[in-house]
C-alpha atoms as a PDB file:
ATOM      1  CA  MET A   1     -29.590 -40.017 -11.812  1.00  0.00           C
ATOM      2  CA  THR A   2     -25.968 -38.969 -12.174  1.00  0.00           C
ATOM      3  CA  LEU A   3     -24.162 -40.750 -14.964  1.00  0.00           C
ATOM      4  CA  PRO A   4     -20.749 -42.199 -14.053  1.00  0.00           C
ATOM      5  CA  ARG A   5     -17.847 -40.320 -15.557  1.00  0.00           C
ATOM      6  CA  GLN A   6     -15.429 -42.264 -17.715  1.00  0.00           C
ATOM      7  CA  LEU A   7     -11.790 -42.361 -16.698  1.00  0.00           C
ATOM      8  CA  ALA A   8      -9.915 -40.016 -19.025  1.00  0.00           C
ATOM      9  CA  LEU A   9      -6.283 -41.048 -19.369  1.00  0.00           C
ATOM     10  CA  ASP A  10      -3.722 -38.367 -20.215  1.00  0.00           C
ATOM     11  CA  LEU A  11      -1.944 -40.399 -22.868  1.00  0.00           C
ATOM     12  CA  PRO A  12       0.994 -38.681 -24.561  1.00  0.00           C
ATOM     13  CA  LEU A  13       0.284 -37.528 -28.107  1.00  0.00           C
ATOM     14  CA  ARG A  14       2.968 -37.579 -30.756  1.00  0.00           C
ATOM     15  CA  ALA A  15       2.539 -34.566 -32.998  1.00  0.00           C
ATOM     16  CA  SER A  16       3.445 -35.087 -36.642  1.00  0.00           C
ATOM     17  CA  PHE A  17       6.541 -33.162 -37.710  1.00  0.00           C
ATOM     18  CA  ALA A  18       6.211 -34.184 -41.359  1.00  0.00           C
ATOM     19  CA  ARG A  19       6.784 -31.472 -43.943  1.00  0.00           C
ATOM     20  CA  GLU A  20       3.281 -31.907 -45.357  1.00  0.00           C
ATOM     21  CA  ASP A  21       1.738 -31.306 -41.924  1.00  0.00           C
ATOM     22  CA  PHE A  22       3.332 -27.902 -41.386  1.00  0.00           C
ATOM     23  CA  LEU A  23       0.702 -25.151 -41.566  1.00  0.00           C
ATOM     24  CA  VAL A  24       1.953 -22.190 -43.604  1.00  0.00           C
ATOM     25  CA  SER A  25       0.431 -18.732 -43.197  1.00  0.00           C
ATOM     26  CA  PRO A  26       1.613 -15.102 -43.348  1.00  0.00           C
ATOM     27  CA  SER A  27       2.832 -15.364 -39.739  1.00  0.00           C
ATOM     28  CA  ASN A  28       5.397 -18.079 -40.506  1.00  0.00           C
ATOM     29  CA  GLU A  29       5.839 -18.197 -44.283  1.00  0.00           C
ATOM     30  CA  ALA A  30       9.139 -16.288 -44.274  1.00  0.00           C
ATOM     31  CA  ALA A  31      10.664 -18.724 -41.764  1.00  0.00           C
ATOM     32  CA  TYR A  32       9.278 -21.705 -43.694  1.00  0.00           C
ATOM     33  CA  ALA A  33      10.607 -20.379 -46.996  1.00  0.00           C
ATOM     34  CA  PHE A  34      14.066 -19.902 -45.493  1.00  0.00           C
ATOM     35  CA  ILE A  35      14.147 -23.454 -44.116  1.00  0.00           C
ATOM     36  CA  GLU A  36      13.041 -24.763 -47.522  1.00  0.00           C
ATOM     37  CA  ARG A  37      15.899 -22.875 -49.211  1.00  0.00           C
ATOM     38  CA  TRP A  38      18.575 -24.973 -47.512  1.00  0.00           C
ATOM     39  CA  PRO A  39      21.371 -25.528 -48.463  1.00  0.00           C
ATOM     40  CA  ASP A  40      21.070 -22.247 -50.360  1.00  0.00           C
ATOM     41  CA  TRP A  41      21.448 -20.115 -47.207  1.00  0.00           C
ATOM     42  CA  PRO A  42      23.385 -16.829 -47.163  1.00  0.00           C
ATOM     43  CA  SER A  43      25.306 -18.337 -44.240  1.00  0.00           C
ATOM     44  CA  ARG A  44      25.272 -21.726 -42.541  1.00  0.00           C
ATOM     45  CA  ARG A  45      23.798 -20.365 -39.310  1.00  0.00           C
ATOM     46  CA  ALA A  46      20.244 -19.360 -38.468  1.00  0.00           C
ATOM     47  CA  LEU A  47      18.195 -18.447 -35.401  1.00  0.00           C
ATOM     48  CA  LEU A  48      14.504 -19.408 -35.295  1.00  0.00           C
ATOM     49  CA  ILE A  49      12.592 -17.350 -32.723  1.00  0.00           C
ATOM     50  CA  GLY A  50       8.971 -17.696 -31.672  1.00  0.00           C
ATOM     51  CA  PRO A  51       6.608 -18.414 -28.761  1.00  0.00           C
ATOM     52  CA  SER A  52       6.043 -21.833 -27.243  1.00  0.00           C
ATOM     53  CA  GLY A  53       4.225 -24.194 -29.578  1.00  0.00           C
ATOM     54  CA  SER A  54       4.626 -21.872 -32.561  1.00  0.00           C
ATOM     55  CA  GLY A  55       6.079 -24.530 -34.834  1.00  0.00           C
ATOM     56  CA  LYS A  56       9.798 -23.997 -34.182  1.00  0.00           C
ATOM     57  CA  SER A  57      10.392 -27.667 -33.437  1.00  0.00           C
ATOM     58  CA  HIS A  58       8.356 -28.656 -36.490  1.00  0.00           C
ATOM     59  CA  LEU A  59      10.463 -26.440 -38.750  1.00  0.00           C
ATOM     60  CA  ALA A  60      13.637 -27.668 -37.048  1.00  0.00           C
ATOM     61  CA  ALA A  61      12.560 -31.263 -37.689  1.00  0.00           C
ATOM     62  CA  ILE A  62      11.909 -30.504 -41.361  1.00  0.00           C
ATOM     63  CA  TRP A  63      15.384 -28.986 -41.686  1.00  0.00           C
ATOM     64  CA  SER A  64      16.973 -31.739 -39.621  1.00  0.00           C
ATOM     65  CA  GLU A  65      15.623 -34.412 -41.942  1.00  0.00           C
ATOM     66  CA  ALA A  66      16.787 -32.544 -45.038  1.00  0.00           C
ATOM     67  CA  ALA A  67      20.235 -31.761 -43.613  1.00  0.00           C
ATOM     68  CA  GLY A  68      20.787 -34.983 -41.676  1.00  0.00           C
ATOM     69  CA  ALA A  69      21.219 -32.942 -38.517  1.00  0.00           C
ATOM     70  CA  VAL A  70      21.671 -34.046 -34.928  1.00  0.00           C
ATOM     71  CA  THR A  71      19.461 -32.321 -32.310  1.00  0.00           C
ATOM     72  CA  LEU A  72      20.278 -31.312 -28.743  1.00  0.00           C
ATOM     73  CA  THR A  73      18.482 -29.064 -26.251  1.00  0.00           C
ATOM     74  CA  GLY A  74      20.162 -25.870 -25.136  1.00  0.00           C
ATOM     75  CA  GLU A  75      20.021 -27.147 -21.571  1.00  0.00           C
ATOM     76  CA  ALA A  76      22.074 -30.226 -22.515  1.00  0.00           C
ATOM     77  CA  LEU A  77      24.757 -28.323 -24.432  1.00  0.00           C
ATOM     78  CA  ARG A  78      28.154 -28.768 -22.802  1.00  0.00           C
ATOM     79  CA  ASP A  79      31.677 -27.962 -23.915  1.00  0.00           C
ATOM     80  CA  ASP A  80      32.658 -31.638 -24.022  1.00  0.00           C
ATOM     81  CA  ASN A  81      29.868 -32.628 -26.433  1.00  0.00           C
ATOM     82  CA  VAL A  82      30.491 -29.841 -28.967  1.00  0.00           C
ATOM     83  CA  PRO A  83      33.054 -31.790 -31.078  1.00  0.00           C
ATOM     84  CA  VAL A  84      30.663 -34.729 -31.394  1.00  0.00           C
ATOM     85  CA  LEU A  85      27.846 -32.424 -32.482  1.00  0.00           C
ATOM     86  CA  VAL A  86      29.946 -30.676 -35.111  1.00  0.00           C
ATOM     87  CA  SER A  87      31.112 -33.989 -36.537  1.00  0.00           C
ATOM     88  CA  HIS A  88      27.570 -34.467 -37.886  1.00  0.00           C
ATOM     89  CA  LYS A  89      28.015 -31.385 -40.129  1.00  0.00           C
ATOM     90  CA  ALA A  90      24.484 -30.167 -39.285  1.00  0.00           C
ATOM     91  CA  VAL A  91      23.259 -29.314 -35.776  1.00  0.00           C
ATOM     92  CA  VAL A  92      19.981 -28.194 -34.210  1.00  0.00           C
ATOM     93  CA  ILE A  93      20.031 -26.603 -30.753  1.00  0.00           C
ATOM     94  CA  GLU A  94      16.472 -26.490 -29.405  1.00  0.00           C
ATOM     95  CA  ASP A  95      15.159 -24.064 -26.776  1.00  0.00           C
ATOM     96  CA  ALA A  96      18.260 -21.962 -26.343  1.00  0.00           C
ATOM     97  CA  GLY A  97      17.981 -19.036 -23.960  1.00  0.00           C
ATOM     98  CA  ARG A  98      18.670 -18.003 -20.395  1.00  0.00           C
ATOM     99  CA  GLY A  99      20.963 -20.364 -18.552  1.00  0.00           C
ATOM    100  CA  ILE A 100      22.637 -21.785 -21.635  1.00  0.00           C
ATOM    101  CA  ASP A 101      26.321 -22.616 -21.248  1.00  0.00           C
ATOM    102  CA  GLU A 102      27.825 -19.573 -22.968  1.00  0.00           C
ATOM    103  CA  LYS A 103      31.315 -21.013 -23.357  1.00  0.00           C
ATOM    104  CA  ALA A 104      29.907 -24.191 -24.918  1.00  0.00           C
ATOM    105  CA  LEU A 105      27.744 -22.206 -27.336  1.00  0.00           C
ATOM    106  CA  PHE A 106      30.684 -19.984 -28.255  1.00  0.00           C
ATOM    107  CA  HIS A 107      32.793 -23.098 -28.815  1.00  0.00           C
ATOM    108  CA  LEU A 108      30.026 -24.599 -30.967  1.00  0.00           C
ATOM    109  CA  LEU A 109      29.772 -21.499 -33.159  1.00  0.00           C
ATOM    110  CA  ASN A 110      33.531 -21.355 -33.645  1.00  0.00           C
ATOM    111  CA  LEU A 111      33.995 -25.058 -34.313  1.00  0.00           C
ATOM    112  CA  ALA A 112      31.003 -25.191 -36.660  1.00  0.00           C
ATOM    113  CA  GLY A 113      32.497 -22.312 -38.646  1.00  0.00           C
ATOM    114  CA  GLU A 114      35.871 -24.033 -38.908  1.00  0.00           C
ATOM    115  CA  ALA A 115      34.283 -27.335 -39.952  1.00  0.00           C
ATOM    116  CA  GLY A 116      31.804 -25.805 -42.389  1.00  0.00           C
ATOM    117  CA  ALA A 117      28.925 -27.295 -40.384  1.00  0.00           C
ATOM    118  CA  SER A 118      25.382 -25.908 -40.574  1.00  0.00           C
ATOM    119  CA  LEU A 119      23.620 -24.740 -37.418  1.00  0.00           C
ATOM    120  CA  LEU A 120      19.997 -23.961 -36.556  1.00  0.00           C
ATOM    121  CA  ILE A 121      19.154 -22.601 -33.092  1.00  0.00           C
ATOM    122  CA  THR A 122      15.571 -22.252 -31.831  1.00  0.00           C
ATOM    123  CA  ALA A 123      14.564 -19.952 -28.969  1.00  0.00           C
ATOM    124  CA  HIS A 124      11.556 -18.262 -27.412  1.00  0.00           C
ATOM    125  CA  GLU A 125      13.315 -14.903 -27.283  1.00  0.00           C
ATOM    126  CA  PRO A 126      16.080 -13.152 -29.243  1.00  0.00           C
ATOM    127  CA  PRO A 127      19.619 -13.461 -27.822  1.00  0.00           C
ATOM    128  CA  GLU A 128      19.455  -9.901 -26.446  1.00  0.00           C
ATOM    129  CA  ARG A 129      17.061 -11.229 -23.798  1.00  0.00           C
ATOM    130  CA  TRP A 130      19.096 -14.275 -22.774  1.00  0.00           C
ATOM    131  CA  GLY A 131      21.168 -12.388 -20.215  1.00  0.00           C
ATOM    132  CA  LEU A 132      24.420 -13.210 -22.002  1.00  0.00           C
ATOM    133  CA  VAL A 133      27.709 -11.751 -20.751  1.00  0.00           C
ATOM    134  CA  LEU A 134      30.308 -12.896 -23.303  1.00  0.00           C
ATOM    135  CA  PRO A 135      30.708 -10.041 -25.837  1.00  0.00           C
ATOM    136  CA  ASP A 136      32.152 -12.279 -28.556  1.00  0.00           C
ATOM    137  CA  LEU A 137      29.236 -14.707 -28.246  1.00  0.00           C
ATOM    138  CA  ILE A 138      26.711 -11.874 -28.433  1.00  0.00           C
ATOM    139  CA  SER A 139      28.454 -10.552 -31.541  1.00  0.00           C
ATOM    140  CA  ARG A 140      28.381 -13.942 -33.279  1.00  0.00           C
ATOM    141  CA  LEU A 141      24.724 -14.517 -32.466  1.00  0.00           C
ATOM    142  CA  ARG A 142      23.800 -11.072 -33.807  1.00  0.00           C
ATOM    143  CA  ALA A 143      25.533 -11.964 -37.075  1.00  0.00           C
ATOM    144  CA  MET A 144      23.310 -15.012 -37.599  1.00  0.00           C
ATOM    145  CA  THR A 145      20.263 -14.932 -39.854  1.00  0.00           C
ATOM    146  CA  ALA A 146      17.278 -14.354 -37.537  1.00  0.00           C
ATOM    147  CA  LEU A 147      13.866 -15.799 -38.417  1.00  0.00           C
ATOM    148  CA  THR A 148      10.797 -14.859 -36.384  1.00  0.00           C
ATOM    149  CA  ILE A 149       7.466 -16.670 -36.165  1.00  0.00           C
ATOM    150  CA  ALA A 150       4.766 -14.165 -35.309  1.00  0.00           C
ATOM    151  CA  THR A 151       1.528 -14.547 -33.358  1.00  0.00           C
ATOM    152  CA  PRO A 152      -0.830 -16.657 -35.499  1.00  0.00           C
ATOM    153  CA  ASP A 153      -3.369 -14.863 -37.682  1.00  0.00           C
ATOM    154  CA  ASP A 154      -7.021 -15.978 -37.885  1.00  0.00           C
ATOM    155  CA  ASP A 155      -6.492 -18.426 -40.737  1.00  0.00           C
ATOM    156  CA  LEU A 156      -3.478 -20.102 -39.163  1.00  0.00           C
ATOM    157  CA  PHE A 157      -5.141 -20.253 -35.752  1.00  0.00           C
ATOM    158  CA  ARG A 158      -8.209 -21.883 -37.284  1.00  0.00           C
ATOM    159  CA  MET A 159      -6.046 -24.429 -39.131  1.00  0.00           C
ATOM    160  CA  LEU A 160      -4.047 -25.075 -35.985  1.00  0.00           C
ATOM    161  CA  LEU A 161      -7.161 -25.869 -33.948  1.00  0.00           C
ATOM    162  CA  VAL A 162      -8.437 -28.236 -36.628  1.00  0.00           C
ATOM    163  CA  LYS A 163      -5.034 -29.977 -36.748  1.00  0.00           C
ATOM    164  CA  LEU A 164      -4.891 -30.329 -32.963  1.00  0.00           C
ATOM    165  CA  PHE A 165      -8.336 -31.926 -32.944  1.00  0.00           C
ATOM    166  CA  LEU A 166      -7.362 -34.242 -35.804  1.00  0.00           C
ATOM    167  CA  ASP A 167      -4.155 -35.215 -33.972  1.00  0.00           C
ATOM    168  CA  ARG A 168      -6.495 -36.584 -31.293  1.00  0.00           C
ATOM    169  CA  GLN A 169      -8.686 -38.241 -33.949  1.00  0.00           C
ATOM    170  CA  LEU A 170     -11.515 -35.807 -33.207  1.00  0.00           C
ATOM    171  CA  ILE A 171     -13.791 -34.423 -35.906  1.00  0.00           C
ATOM    172  CA  VAL A 172     -15.512 -31.220 -34.794  1.00  0.00           C
ATOM    173  CA  ASP A 173     -17.956 -28.809 -36.380  1.00  0.00           C
ATOM    174  CA  SER A 174     -16.589 -25.642 -37.990  1.00  0.00           C
ATOM    175  CA  SER A 175     -18.844 -23.544 -35.758  1.00  0.00           C
ATOM    176  CA  LEU A 176     -16.944 -24.833 -32.722  1.00  0.00           C
ATOM    177  CA  VAL A 177     -13.618 -23.871 -34.295  1.00  0.00           C
ATOM    178  CA  ASP A 178     -14.912 -20.387 -35.130  1.00  0.00           C
ATOM    179  CA  PHE A 179     -16.232 -20.048 -31.565  1.00  0.00           C
ATOM    180  CA  LEU A 180     -12.801 -20.875 -30.129  1.00  0.00           C
ATOM    181  CA  VAL A 181     -10.927 -18.607 -32.552  1.00  0.00           C
ATOM    182  CA  ARG A 182     -12.956 -15.635 -31.309  1.00  0.00           C
ATOM    183  CA  ARG A 183     -12.635 -16.390 -27.600  1.00  0.00           C
ATOM    184  CA  ILE A 184      -9.379 -18.003 -26.532  1.00  0.00           C
ATOM    185  CA  GLU A 185      -5.960 -16.424 -26.178  1.00  0.00           C
ATOM    186  CA  ARG A 186      -4.244 -16.109 -29.556  1.00  0.00           C
ATOM    187  CA  SER A 187      -1.334 -18.410 -28.831  1.00  0.00           C
ATOM    188  CA  PHE A 188      -0.276 -21.896 -29.803  1.00  0.00           C
ATOM    189  CA  ALA A 189       0.083 -22.899 -26.155  1.00  0.00           C
ATOM    190  CA  ALA A 190      -3.499 -21.814 -25.383  1.00  0.00           C
ATOM    191  CA  ALA A 191      -4.829 -23.737 -28.390  1.00  0.00           C
ATOM    192  CA  ARG A 192      -3.109 -26.914 -27.222  1.00  0.00           C
ATOM    193  CA  GLN A 193      -4.443 -26.479 -23.690  1.00  0.00           C
ATOM    194  CA  VAL A 194      -8.026 -25.866 -24.810  1.00  0.00           C
ATOM    195  CA  VAL A 195      -8.091 -28.835 -27.190  1.00  0.00           C
ATOM    196  CA  ALA A 196      -6.595 -31.096 -24.503  1.00  0.00           C
ATOM    197  CA  VAL A 197      -9.199 -29.986 -21.947  1.00  0.00           C
ATOM    198  CA  LEU A 198     -12.079 -30.426 -24.398  1.00  0.00           C
ATOM    199  CA  ASP A 199     -10.855 -33.903 -25.298  1.00  0.00           C
ATOM    200  CA  ARG A 200     -10.428 -34.946 -21.678  1.00  0.00           C
ATOM    201  CA  GLU A 201     -13.676 -33.476 -20.415  1.00  0.00           C
ATOM    202  CA  GLY A 202     -15.703 -34.704 -23.372  1.00  0.00           C
ATOM    203  CA  LEU A 203     -14.497 -38.233 -22.693  1.00  0.00           C
ATOM    204  CA  SER A 204     -14.937 -38.082 -18.927  1.00  0.00           C
ATOM    205  CA  ARG A 205     -18.466 -36.636 -19.241  1.00  0.00           C
ATOM    206  CA  GLY A 206     -19.457 -38.948 -22.052  1.00  0.00           C
ATOM    207  CA  ARG A 207     -20.370 -35.983 -24.285  1.00  0.00           C
ATOM    208  CA  ARG A 208     -19.592 -34.944 -27.821  1.00  0.00           C
ATOM    209  CA  ILE A 209     -17.239 -32.004 -28.178  1.00  0.00           C
ATOM    210  CA  THR A 210     -19.630 -29.268 -29.196  1.00  0.00           C
ATOM    211  CA  ARG A 211     -19.896 -25.496 -29.009  1.00  0.00           C
ATOM    212  CA  ALA A 212     -22.076 -25.864 -25.923  1.00  0.00           C
ATOM    213  CA  LEU A 213     -19.465 -27.986 -24.131  1.00  0.00           C
ATOM    214  CA  ALA A 214     -16.741 -25.532 -25.146  1.00  0.00           C
ATOM    215  CA  ALA A 215     -18.770 -22.608 -23.794  1.00  0.00           C
ATOM    216  CA  GLU A 216     -19.270 -24.435 -20.510  1.00  0.00           C
ATOM    217  CA  LEU A 217     -15.610 -25.321 -20.156  1.00  0.00           C
ATOM    218  CA  LEU A 218     -14.333 -21.891 -21.131  1.00  0.00           C
ATOM    219  CA  LYS A 219     -16.440 -20.502 -18.312  1.00  0.00           C
ATOM    220  CA  GLU A 220     -15.920 -23.169 -15.642  1.00  0.00           C
ATOM    221  CA  VAL A 221     -12.654 -24.987 -16.296  1.00  0.00           C
ATOM    222  CA  LEU A 222     -10.444 -22.664 -18.293  1.00  0.00           C
ATOM    223  CA  ALA A 223     -11.474 -19.403 -16.583  1.00  0.00           C
ATOM    224  CA  SER A 224     -11.424 -17.684 -19.955  1.00  0.00           C
ATOM    225  CA  PRO A 225     -13.313 -14.526 -20.997  1.00  0.00           C
ATOM    226  CA  PHE A 226     -16.742 -15.793 -21.941  1.00  0.00           C
ATOM    227  CA  ASP A 227     -19.572 -14.622 -24.111  1.00  0.00           C
ATOM    228  CA  GLU A 228     -22.671 -16.670 -24.775  1.00  0.00           C
ATOM    229  CA  GLU A 229     -23.522 -14.733 -27.924  1.00  0.00           C
END
């Protein structure tokens, strides 16, 4: 007899951006320490660079709360909204990069400097890879303090997986976490994808999330390198 599969709903999860929930490890401790130093920054401008899901938004949220900052995506930055942003005295620009309005960003940097406003910009890549053409903008971005979040080490990746499971109110065995640490791509995005798939498939199949289920899904669903050992 084939058991009916439960309907697994892809409900949006709200990750906690509280300071106490940020996972500190050697791969991000320098960036975290710098954010925690505010307002004792060598300048009022900083770039936070790291891969998708690496904790940039979490760090930006921690700083935003401390500084009372307003947040806008790089895609939404326009010349006409720069004065409003700067009036808040602390600004976060999230996901800056290719396609950003260069004149608006240049205007923001200049106006923030004149007003003594603080600025934190997050990006996946350093400005040299944004395809920028305005020399003065490139020069100003290079002068900013650059903080980089590296690929997660074993300890951070293990903590991240546990946190992602807990965010979904799932308690899993440590052997499952160790199994995943050794086998999935070492990236925050991959960790989120794997945990989401395990949650969804465990619910739809009516099974506990175990090492055996993870092994099955890594082979069948996620098309990941697989080793039964």
